[in-house]
């Protein structure tokens, strides 16, 4: 709990909001995102294309073949700024019993902490939305506006594959291995630990209901899949392909439901160190200017005449995939 002297301390409030428990976030749990703070408002992303070729034989004494060099490119992209405002009014804490107590009254510090939890939850959900966008190939704003098309940004093609789940004769395991091979070509010499097949809710139900998939998970882990909800447990379809349902990847808003990955789509993602990146820019405050960015910030200032406290939480983050073409988009 904050003491009164900390109510308007930028550093204390920021440390507090960054120490609060994280909200559930599946894509953050399933993959390793390399996070780094930066001191600028733009993230510079550098690409290097290594070229491997065969050397043509030449007669002795002939001029040697020239070496092809790696090509390097650096691109900058603005880091989105996500501010969120709230307030604690004197009337909110006056004569209000503290939650879970029969005798203690609510305090301003306690009310601020409750607001921090709610604001952090929204920011963490925004981060998860960005993670989904990094895998889907689109950095989207809350209203659906496209902030960046990662395929256009990196000048890379979208890798796709079709698996007909309506055909009972489809060998799903063989088809997903073909999809893995497409992703492997994009990775070159890099070797992922495994591939995670992240499936929208409808796609997942169609997948686990397919005859060839049932035959696979019937044998997996001594038939454990027959006793479990496969949406929660997941299962290995091949030795290097894990099937996972992203059925919790949505929020309900006053304007309807927002799905982070479409229910009828799926993405095959390599589990590889360094593939998925996060950059945090500094807050839009004097205290944070030119410092290394943090995931979340919180500031507060008093209202006129002591009527309450205004709160501002903000995050300046961007999530992206360094080899977007290695992610295979699979549809039925």
Protein backbone atom coordinates (compact mmCIF):
# COMPACT_ATOMS: atom_id res chain seq x y z
CA UNK A 1 0.00 0.00 0.00
CA UNK A 2 1.30 3.46 -0.87
CA UNK A 3 1.78 6.05 1.85
CA UNK A 4 0.49 9.57 1.32
CA UNK A 5 3.88 10.98 0.28
CA UNK A 6 4.01 8.48 -2.59
CA UNK A 7 0.64 9.37 -4.11
CA UNK A 8 2.16 11.80 -6.61
CA UNK A 9 5.62 10.25 -7.05
CA UNK A 10 6.11 9.20 -10.67
CA UNK A 11 8.82 6.62 -9.94
CA UNK A 12 6.98 4.99 -7.03
CA UNK A 13 3.73 4.70 -8.96
CA UNK A 14 5.53 3.30 -12.02
CA UNK A 15 7.36 0.72 -9.91
CA UNK A 16 4.07 -0.23 -8.30
CA UNK A 17 2.21 -0.78 -11.56
CA UNK A 18 5.09 -2.85 -12.94
CA UNK A 19 5.06 -5.09 -9.84
CA UNK A 20 1.36 -5.89 -9.97
CA UNK A 21 0.50 -9.48 -10.98
CA UNK A 22 0.32 -10.06 -14.72
CA UNK A 23 -3.04 -10.70 -16.30
CA UNK A 24 -3.41 -14.08 -18.09
CA UNK A 25 -1.94 -13.87 -21.59
CA UNK A 26 -1.58 -17.06 -23.57
CA UNK A 27 0.71 -15.85 -26.36
CA UNK A 28 2.98 -14.34 -23.74
CA UNK A 29 3.17 -17.72 -21.95
CA UNK A 30 3.53 -19.96 -24.97
CA UNK A 31 6.38 -18.09 -26.63
CA UNK A 32 9.57 -16.41 -25.52
CA UNK A 33 9.36 -12.70 -26.39
CA UNK A 34 12.70 -10.93 -26.18
CA UNK A 35 11.85 -7.59 -24.54
CA UNK A 36 14.13 -4.58 -24.53
CA UNK A 37 13.68 -0.96 -23.54
CA UNK A 38 14.87 1.76 -25.91
CA UNK A 39 15.50 5.48 -25.37
CA UNK A 40 13.90 6.64 -28.63
CA UNK A 41 10.31 6.88 -29.88
CA UNK A 42 11.03 4.73 -32.94
CA UNK A 43 12.27 1.15 -33.10
CA UNK A 44 15.01 0.39 -35.61
CA UNK A 45 14.79 -3.13 -37.02
CA UNK A 46 17.78 -4.49 -38.90
CA UNK A 47 17.61 -7.37 -41.37
CA UNK A 48 20.46 -9.47 -42.64
CA UNK A 49 20.06 -11.89 -45.55
CA UNK A 50 22.82 -14.47 -45.60
CA UNK A 51 23.41 -15.92 -49.07
CA UNK A 52 24.68 -19.48 -49.40
CA UNK A 53 25.61 -20.80 -52.84
CA UNK A 54 27.71 -23.33 -54.71
CA UNK A 55 31.15 -22.46 -56.01
CA UNK A 56 31.63 -23.02 -59.75
CA UNK A 57 34.80 -24.92 -60.68
CA UNK A 58 37.36 -23.05 -62.80
CA UNK A 59 40.47 -24.07 -64.73
CA UNK A 60 43.63 -23.66 -62.68
CA UNK A 61 45.02 -20.17 -63.08
CA UNK A 62 41.60 -18.68 -63.89
CA UNK A 63 40.19 -15.71 -61.97
CA UNK A 64 38.42 -16.84 -58.78
CA UNK A 65 34.68 -16.42 -58.34
CA UNK A 66 33.76 -13.29 -56.40
CA UNK A 67 32.20 -13.77 -52.96
CA UNK A 68 28.56 -12.81 -52.49
CA UNK A 69 28.17 -10.75 -49.36
CA UNK A 70 25.33 -10.62 -46.88
CA UNK A 71 22.92 -7.74 -47.45
CA UNK A 72 21.84 -5.63 -44.49
CA UNK A 73 18.87 -3.29 -44.21
CA UNK A 74 17.68 -1.16 -41.32
CA UNK A 75 14.16 0.23 -41.03
CA UNK A 76 12.58 2.43 -38.41
CA UNK A 77 8.97 2.27 -37.22
CA UNK A 78 7.22 4.51 -34.67
CA UNK A 79 6.42 2.83 -31.36
CA UNK A 80 2.66 3.18 -30.69
CA UNK A 81 1.73 5.33 -27.69
CA UNK A 82 -1.06 3.96 -25.47
CA UNK A 83 -2.23 6.40 -22.76
CA UNK A 84 -5.06 5.59 -20.36
CA UNK A 85 -6.69 8.04 -17.95
CA UNK A 86 -8.77 7.62 -14.80
CA UNK A 87 -9.34 9.44 -11.53
CA UNK A 88 -10.06 8.91 -7.86
CA UNK A 89 -12.60 11.38 -6.44
CA UNK A 90 -12.97 12.31 -2.80
CA UNK A 91 -16.58 11.13 -2.94
CA UNK A 92 -15.38 7.65 -3.97
CA UNK A 93 -13.55 7.07 -0.69
CA UNK A 94 -15.61 9.20 1.71
CA UNK A 95 -17.57 6.93 4.09
CA UNK A 96 -16.82 3.89 1.90
CA UNK A 97 -15.86 0.65 3.64
CA UNK A 98 -12.67 -0.96 2.32
CA UNK A 99 -13.23 -4.10 0.29
CA UNK A 100 -13.10 -7.23 2.48
CA UNK A 101 -13.17 -5.31 5.77
CA UNK A 102 -15.94 -4.77 8.33
CA UNK A 103 -14.33 -1.78 10.01
CA UNK A 104 -11.59 -0.16 7.89
CA UNK A 105 -12.53 2.68 5.57
CA UNK A 106 -11.33 3.01 2.02
CA UNK A 107 -8.23 5.15 1.49
CA UNK A 108 -7.01 7.19 -1.46
CA UNK A 109 -3.96 4.92 -1.76
CA UNK A 110 -6.19 1.84 -1.78
CA UNK A 111 -8.44 3.33 -4.44
CA UNK A 112 -5.40 4.19 -6.58
CA UNK A 113 -4.14 0.62 -6.30
CA UNK A 114 -7.53 -0.73 -7.42
CA UNK A 115 -7.47 1.63 -10.43
CA UNK A 116 -3.90 0.55 -11.20
CA UNK A 117 -4.95 -3.08 -11.36
CA UNK A 118 -7.75 -2.28 -13.80
CA UNK A 119 -5.51 -0.05 -15.94
CA UNK A 120 -2.75 -2.64 -16.03
CA UNK A 121 -5.24 -5.30 -17.09
CA UNK A 122 -6.24 -3.19 -20.10
CA UNK A 123 -2.60 -2.50 -20.99
CA UNK A 124 -1.68 -6.20 -20.74
CA UNK A 125 -4.62 -7.07 -22.99
CA UNK A 126 -3.33 -4.49 -25.47
CA UNK A 127 0.09 -6.16 -25.35
CA UNK A 128 -1.54 -9.52 -26.07
CA UNK A 129 -3.40 -7.92 -28.99
CA UNK A 130 -0.03 -6.73 -30.31
CA UNK A 131 1.44 -10.22 -29.93
CA UNK A 132 -1.40 -11.66 -31.97
CA UNK A 133 -0.79 -8.95 -34.55
CA UNK A 134 2.90 -9.85 -34.72
CA UNK A 135 1.91 -13.44 -35.54
CA UNK A 136 -0.97 -12.48 -37.85
CA UNK A 137 1.15 -9.95 -39.72
CA UNK A 138 -0.88 -6.84 -38.87
CA UNK A 139 -0.29 -4.26 -36.15
CA UNK A 140 -3.84 -3.12 -35.41
CA UNK A 141 -5.23 -0.29 -33.32
CA UNK A 142 -8.16 -0.82 -30.95
CA UNK A 143 -10.62 0.39 -33.61
CA UNK A 144 -9.21 -1.98 -36.23
CA UNK A 145 -7.07 0.62 -38.01
CA UNK A 146 -3.97 -0.96 -39.53
CA UNK A 147 -0.91 0.74 -38.02
CA UNK A 148 1.54 -1.50 -39.85
CA UNK A 149 1.39 -4.42 -42.28
CA UNK A 150 4.43 -6.45 -41.29
CA UNK A 151 4.62 -8.22 -44.65
CA UNK A 152 4.79 -4.88 -46.44
CA UNK A 153 7.23 -3.55 -43.86
CA UNK A 154 9.67 -6.43 -44.28
CA UNK A 155 8.88 -6.91 -48.00
CA UNK A 156 8.23 -10.60 -47.42
CA UNK A 157 5.52 -12.89 -48.81
CA UNK A 158 2.85 -14.41 -46.59
CA UNK A 159 3.37 -18.16 -46.22
CA UNK A 160 0.10 -20.09 -46.47
CA UNK A 161 -1.10 -23.67 -46.52
CA UNK A 162 -4.51 -25.32 -46.91
CA UNK A 163 -5.61 -28.44 -45.03
CA UNK A 164 -9.07 -29.68 -46.01
CA UNK A 165 -10.62 -30.70 -42.72
CA UNK A 166 -13.97 -31.38 -44.40
CA UNK A 167 -12.44 -34.33 -46.26
CA UNK A 168 -12.31 -37.42 -43.99
CA UNK A 169 -9.50 -38.86 -46.13
CA UNK A 170 -7.13 -35.94 -45.48
CA UNK A 171 -3.98 -37.00 -43.64
CA UNK A 172 -3.74 -33.98 -41.33
CA UNK A 173 -0.40 -35.00 -39.85
CA UNK A 174 1.23 -35.29 -43.29
CA UNK A 175 -0.26 -31.97 -44.35
CA UNK A 176 0.97 -30.10 -41.30
CA UNK A 177 4.47 -31.53 -41.88
CA UNK A 178 4.29 -30.04 -45.38
CA UNK A 179 3.39 -26.73 -43.77
CA UNK A 180 6.37 -27.08 -41.41
CA UNK A 181 8.62 -27.59 -44.41
CA UNK A 182 7.42 -24.28 -45.84
CA UNK A 183 8.29 -22.52 -42.61
CA UNK A 184 11.67 -24.25 -42.43
CA UNK A 185 12.64 -22.89 -45.83
CA UNK A 186 12.03 -19.38 -44.52
CA UNK A 187 14.16 -20.05 -41.41
CA UNK A 188 17.16 -21.29 -43.36
CA UNK A 189 19.78 -22.69 -40.97
CA UNK A 190 17.81 -21.86 -37.82
CA UNK A 191 16.36 -24.83 -35.93
CA UNK A 192 13.32 -24.24 -33.69
CA UNK A 193 12.70 -26.38 -30.61
CA UNK A 194 9.27 -27.26 -31.96
CA UNK A 195 6.38 -25.75 -33.91
CA UNK A 196 3.24 -24.54 -32.17
CA UNK A 197 0.06 -24.80 -34.19
CA UNK A 198 -2.13 -22.05 -32.68
CA UNK A 199 -5.76 -22.59 -33.71
CA UNK A 200 -8.85 -20.41 -33.60
CA UNK A 201 -11.79 -21.91 -31.70
CA UNK A 202 -13.77 -23.19 -34.72
CA UNK A 203 -10.67 -24.45 -36.52
CA UNK A 204 -9.59 -26.34 -33.40
CA UNK A 205 -12.91 -28.13 -33.04
CA UNK A 206 -12.79 -29.16 -36.70
CA UNK A 207 -9.18 -30.31 -36.31
CA UNK A 208 -9.66 -32.49 -33.22
CA UNK A 209 -12.85 -33.90 -34.71
CA UNK A 210 -11.07 -35.13 -37.85
CA UNK A 211 -10.63 -38.90 -38.10
CA UNK A 212 -6.87 -38.82 -38.77
CA UNK A 213 -6.26 -36.46 -35.86
CA UNK A 214 -8.30 -38.63 -33.49
CA UNK A 215 -6.13 -41.59 -34.45
CA UNK A 216 -3.04 -39.55 -33.58
CA UNK A 217 -4.12 -38.29 -30.17
CA UNK A 218 -5.68 -41.64 -29.21
CA UNK A 219 -2.10 -42.94 -29.11
CA UNK A 220 -0.61 -39.85 -27.50
CA UNK A 221 0.41 -40.13 -23.84
CA UNK A 222 -1.40 -43.45 -23.32
CA UNK A 223 -4.73 -42.03 -24.44
CA UNK A 224 -4.60 -39.01 -22.10
CA UNK A 225 -6.30 -36.91 -24.77
CA UNK A 226 -9.42 -39.06 -24.41
CA UNK A 227 -9.76 -37.91 -20.80
CA UNK A 228 -8.90 -34.22 -21.15
CA UNK A 229 -10.29 -31.07 -22.69
CA UNK A 230 -7.88 -30.72 -25.61
CA UNK A 231 -8.49 -26.96 -25.69
CA UNK A 232 -6.74 -26.66 -22.34
CA UNK A 233 -4.19 -29.47 -22.49
CA UNK A 234 -3.07 -29.35 -26.10
CA UNK A 235 -1.36 -32.36 -27.66
CA UNK A 236 1.50 -33.37 -29.94
CA UNK A 237 0.33 -34.16 -33.47
CA UNK A 238 3.89 -34.96 -34.52
CA UNK A 239 7.15 -35.15 -32.59
CA UNK A 240 7.81 -31.47 -33.30
CA UNK A 241 4.27 -30.05 -33.73
CA UNK A 242 2.15 -29.06 -30.74
CA UNK A 243 -1.54 -28.31 -31.29
CA UNK A 244 -2.93 -25.51 -29.07
CA UNK A 245 -6.36 -23.89 -28.94
CA UNK A 246 -6.50 -20.09 -28.68
CA UNK A 247 -10.15 -20.10 -27.63
CA UNK A 248 -9.51 -17.53 -24.86
CA UNK A 249 -8.04 -15.02 -27.30
CA UNK A 250 -10.95 -12.57 -27.39
CA UNK A 251 -12.56 -9.71 -25.51
CA UNK A 252 -16.16 -8.53 -25.40
CA UNK A 253 -16.70 -4.80 -25.94
CA UNK A 254 -19.86 -2.67 -26.11
CA UNK A 255 -19.48 -2.83 -29.90
CA UNK A 256 -19.18 -6.59 -30.06
CA UNK A 257 -16.58 -9.32 -29.72
CA UNK A 258 -12.97 -8.88 -30.84
CA UNK A 259 -11.12 -12.08 -31.72
CA UNK A 260 -7.33 -11.80 -31.68
CA UNK A 261 -7.10 -14.75 -34.11
CA UNK A 262 -10.11 -15.47 -36.32
CA UNK A 263 -12.09 -18.57 -35.20
CA UNK A 264 -11.69 -20.28 -38.59
CA UNK A 265 -7.94 -19.62 -38.94
CA UNK A 266 -4.73 -21.03 -37.51
CA UNK A 267 -1.05 -20.17 -37.51
CA UNK A 268 1.97 -22.47 -37.32
CA UNK A 269 4.72 -20.68 -35.39
CA UNK A 270 8.32 -21.82 -34.80
CA UNK A 271 9.34 -21.81 -31.14
CA UNK A 272 12.72 -20.16 -31.60
CA UNK A 273 14.81 -17.84 -29.43
CA UNK A 274 15.10 -14.34 -30.86
CA UNK A 275 12.26 -14.76 -33.35
CA UNK A 276 9.72 -12.68 -31.41
CA UNK A 277 10.74 -9.25 -30.20
CA UNK A 278 9.32 -6.42 -28.05
CA UNK A 279 10.53 -2.85 -27.76
CA UNK A 280 9.42 -0.39 -25.07
CA UNK A 281 9.85 3.36 -25.60
CA UNK A 282 10.01 5.97 -22.80
CA UNK A 283 6.87 7.54 -21.35
CA UNK A 284 5.62 10.93 -22.50
CA UNK A 285 6.86 12.66 -19.35
CA UNK A 286 9.80 14.85 -18.40
CA UNK A 287 11.02 12.25 -15.90
CA UNK A 288 11.15 9.49 -18.51
CA UNK A 289 12.53 11.49 -21.45
CA UNK A 290 15.66 9.85 -22.95
CA UNK A 291 15.57 7.01 -20.42
CA UNK A 292 15.25 3.31 -21.24
CA UNK A 293 11.60 2.45 -21.80
CA UNK A 294 9.61 0.29 -19.39
CA UNK A 295 6.57 -1.91 -20.12
CA UNK A 296 4.18 0.33 -18.14
CA UNK A 297 4.17 3.75 -16.49
CA UNK A 298 1.86 5.40 -13.97
CA UNK A 299 1.64 9.04 -12.91
CA UNK A 300 -0.79 11.01 -10.74
CA UNK A 301 -1.55 14.61 -9.95
CA UNK A 302 -4.06 16.30 -7.60
CA UNK A 303 -7.27 17.81 -8.85
CA UNK A 304 -7.93 21.52 -8.11
CA UNK A 305 -8.99 22.25 -4.51
CA UNK A 306 -8.11 18.71 -3.40
CA UNK A 307 -11.20 17.17 -5.00
CA UNK A 308 -9.36 13.99 -5.95
CA UNK A 309 -6.49 12.54 -7.96
CA UNK A 310 -6.05 12.22 -11.73
CA UNK A 311 -4.27 9.06 -12.90
CA UNK A 312 -2.47 8.34 -16.15
CA UNK A 313 -1.11 4.93 -17.14
CA UNK A 314 0.74 4.49 -20.40
CA UNK A 315 2.63 1.95 -22.41
CA UNK A 316 4.72 2.54 -25.51
CA UNK A 317 5.30 -0.85 -27.02
CA UNK A 318 5.71 -2.68 -30.28
CA UNK A 319 5.78 -6.46 -30.79
CA UNK A 320 7.08 -8.01 -34.01
CA UNK A 321 8.44 -11.17 -35.61
CA UNK A 322 11.93 -10.99 -37.12
CA UNK A 323 11.12 -13.62 -39.77
CA UNK A 324 7.46 -13.07 -40.50
CA UNK A 325 7.60 -15.36 -43.55
CA UNK A 326 8.44 -18.36 -41.31
CA UNK A 327 4.94 -18.26 -39.80
CA UNK A 328 2.59 -20.44 -41.83
CA UNK A 329 -1.07 -19.43 -42.03
CA UNK A 330 -3.20 -22.56 -42.33
CA UNK A 331 -6.84 -22.58 -43.37
CA UNK A 332 -9.22 -25.40 -44.09
